[in-house]
Amino acid sequence: MRIDKFLWAIRFYKTRSIAADACKKNHVSINSIVAKASKEVFGGDILNIRKNQINYKILVLDTPKSRIGAKLVAQYIKDQTPKEEFEQQDLLKDAKDYYRKKGMGRPTKKDRRDLDDFFED
């Protein structure tokens, strides 16, 4: 099965075209070799996928005939992503929220003046 179709079938990407775009951007590799969208996937292959600043590592157990339900995904893949990847994502999220909480809006005039004073020195 093609890698773009496989990633769509196991619900890793919402559409097949998004999966193909990820392959074009070199975000997908099979057994540590960068894969084009037409590359075939077989059982036993290890996929490395970069998505949302996380490097996922997935072991292919089997290939489905078509798109499968979310409950059946565990029969076809095994997620081997290290926990450190998810912890790093949490740290990045916390770092962004440090200065301004989400939904606080645009910077205030005081914030702008503070930035101007900081960069004038």
Protein backbone atom coordinates (compact mmCIF):
# COMPACT_ATOMS: atom_id res chain seq x y z
CA MET A 1 0.00 0.00 0.00
CA ARG A 2 1.25 3.51 -0.77
CA ILE A 3 2.54 5.49 2.22
CA ASP A 4 0.14 8.41 1.69
CA LYS A 5 -2.81 6.04 1.45
CA PHE A 6 -1.61 4.10 4.51
CA LEU A 7 -1.29 7.25 6.66
CA TRP A 8 -4.79 8.29 5.58
CA ALA A 9 -6.19 4.78 6.18
CA ILE A 10 -4.87 4.59 9.76
CA ARG A 11 -6.27 8.08 10.42
CA PHE A 12 -2.89 9.72 11.02
CA TYR A 13 -3.86 12.45 8.54
CA LYS A 14 -7.37 13.69 7.83
CA THR A 15 -7.05 13.53 4.03
CA ARG A 16 -4.83 11.68 1.61
CA SER A 17 -3.66 14.93 0.03
CA ILE A 18 -2.41 16.19 3.40
CA ALA A 19 -0.50 12.92 3.80
CA ALA A 20 1.00 13.36 0.31
CA ASP A 21 2.03 16.93 1.15
CA ALA A 22 3.80 15.69 4.29
CA CYS A 23 5.73 13.24 2.10
CA LYS A 24 6.68 16.02 -0.31
CA LYS A 25 8.00 18.09 2.59
CA ASN A 26 10.21 15.15 3.70
CA HIS A 27 8.32 14.73 6.98
CA VAL A 28 7.83 10.99 6.42
CA SER A 29 10.52 8.32 6.29
CA ILE A 30 10.35 4.54 6.07
CA ASN A 31 13.17 2.65 7.81
CA SER A 32 15.17 5.92 8.06
CA ILE A 33 14.88 6.60 4.30
CA VAL A 34 12.90 9.66 3.20
CA ALA A 35 9.80 8.44 1.39
CA LYS A 36 7.86 9.84 -1.53
CA ALA A 37 4.07 9.52 -1.47
CA SER A 38 4.16 6.53 -3.84
CA LYS A 39 6.57 4.45 -1.69
CA GLU A 40 5.11 1.09 -0.65
CA VAL A 41 4.63 0.18 3.02
CA PHE A 42 4.80 -3.39 4.33
CA GLY A 43 4.39 -5.06 7.71
CA GLY A 44 7.48 -4.67 9.89
CA ASP A 45 8.44 -1.26 8.51
CA ILE A 46 9.22 1.55 10.93
CA LEU A 47 7.81 4.97 10.03
CA ASN A 48 9.24 8.23 11.31
CA ILE A 49 6.75 11.06 10.91
CA ARG A 50 7.18 14.71 11.87
CA LYS A 51 3.82 16.26 12.71
CA ASN A 52 3.07 19.26 14.95
CA GLN A 53 6.72 19.49 16.09
CA ILE A 54 6.65 15.89 17.33
CA ASN A 55 8.70 13.07 15.79
CA TYR A 56 6.40 10.04 15.82
CA LYS A 57 7.87 6.55 15.51
CA ILE A 58 5.37 3.94 14.32
CA LEU A 59 5.81 0.23 13.70
CA VAL A 60 3.61 -1.13 10.90
CA LEU A 61 2.02 -4.42 11.93
CA ASP A 62 -0.17 -4.90 8.85
CA THR A 63 -1.71 -2.87 6.02
CA PRO A 64 -5.48 -2.35 5.90
CA LYS A 65 -7.43 -2.83 2.67
CA SER A 66 -9.13 0.56 3.06
CA ARG A 67 -9.71 3.31 5.66
CA ILE A 68 -10.45 1.82 9.06
CA GLY A 69 -12.32 2.92 12.15
CA ALA A 70 -10.46 4.58 14.99
CA LYS A 71 -10.98 1.58 17.28
CA LEU A 72 -9.23 -0.76 14.82
CA VAL A 73 -6.05 1.31 14.40
CA ALA A 74 -4.20 -0.63 17.11
CA GLN A 75 -4.43 -3.79 14.98
CA TYR A 76 -2.37 -2.21 12.21
CA ILE A 77 0.22 -0.02 13.96
CA LYS A 78 2.16 0.17 17.21
CA ASP A 79 3.17 3.62 18.43
CA GLN A 80 6.79 3.63 19.64
CA THR A 81 7.12 7.38 20.09
CA PRO A 82 9.30 8.22 23.12
CA LYS A 83 7.53 10.06 25.95
CA GLU A 84 10.21 12.76 25.81
CA GLU A 85 8.74 13.99 22.51
CA PHE A 86 5.39 14.72 24.15
CA GLU A 87 7.04 16.29 27.20
CA GLN A 88 9.00 18.59 24.91
CA GLN A 89 5.72 19.63 23.25
CA ASP A 90 4.28 20.49 26.66
CA LEU A 91 7.34 22.58 27.51
CA LEU A 92 7.01 24.53 24.26
CA LYS A 93 3.35 25.14 24.98
CA ASP A 94 4.11 26.38 28.50
CA ALA A 95 6.87 28.68 27.20
CA LYS A 96 4.45 30.34 24.81
CA ASP A 97 1.86 30.84 27.56
CA TYR A 98 4.39 32.38 29.96
CA TYR A 99 4.10 35.98 28.79
CA ARG A 100 0.55 36.18 27.49
CA LYS A 101 -2.23 33.69 28.02
CA LYS A 102 -4.18 32.49 25.01
CA GLY A 103 -7.15 34.73 24.30
CA MET A 104 -5.67 37.80 25.99
CA GLY A 105 -5.73 39.70 22.70
CA ARG A 106 -3.26 42.09 21.19
CA PRO A 107 -0.37 43.58 23.15
CA THR A 108 -1.31 46.72 25.06
CA LYS A 109 0.25 50.15 24.63
CA LYS A 110 2.22 49.54 27.82
CA ASP A 111 3.57 46.27 26.40
CA ARG A 112 4.68 48.08 23.24
CA ARG A 113 6.39 50.83 25.24
CA ASP A 114 8.16 48.25 27.39
CA LEU A 115 9.45 46.53 24.23
CA ASP A 116 10.58 49.87 22.78
CA ASP A 117 12.47 50.69 25.99
CA PHE A 118 14.08 47.27 25.97
CA PHE A 119 15.35 47.56 22.39
CA GLU A 120 16.55 51.19 22.72
CA ASP A 121 19.27 50.27 25.23
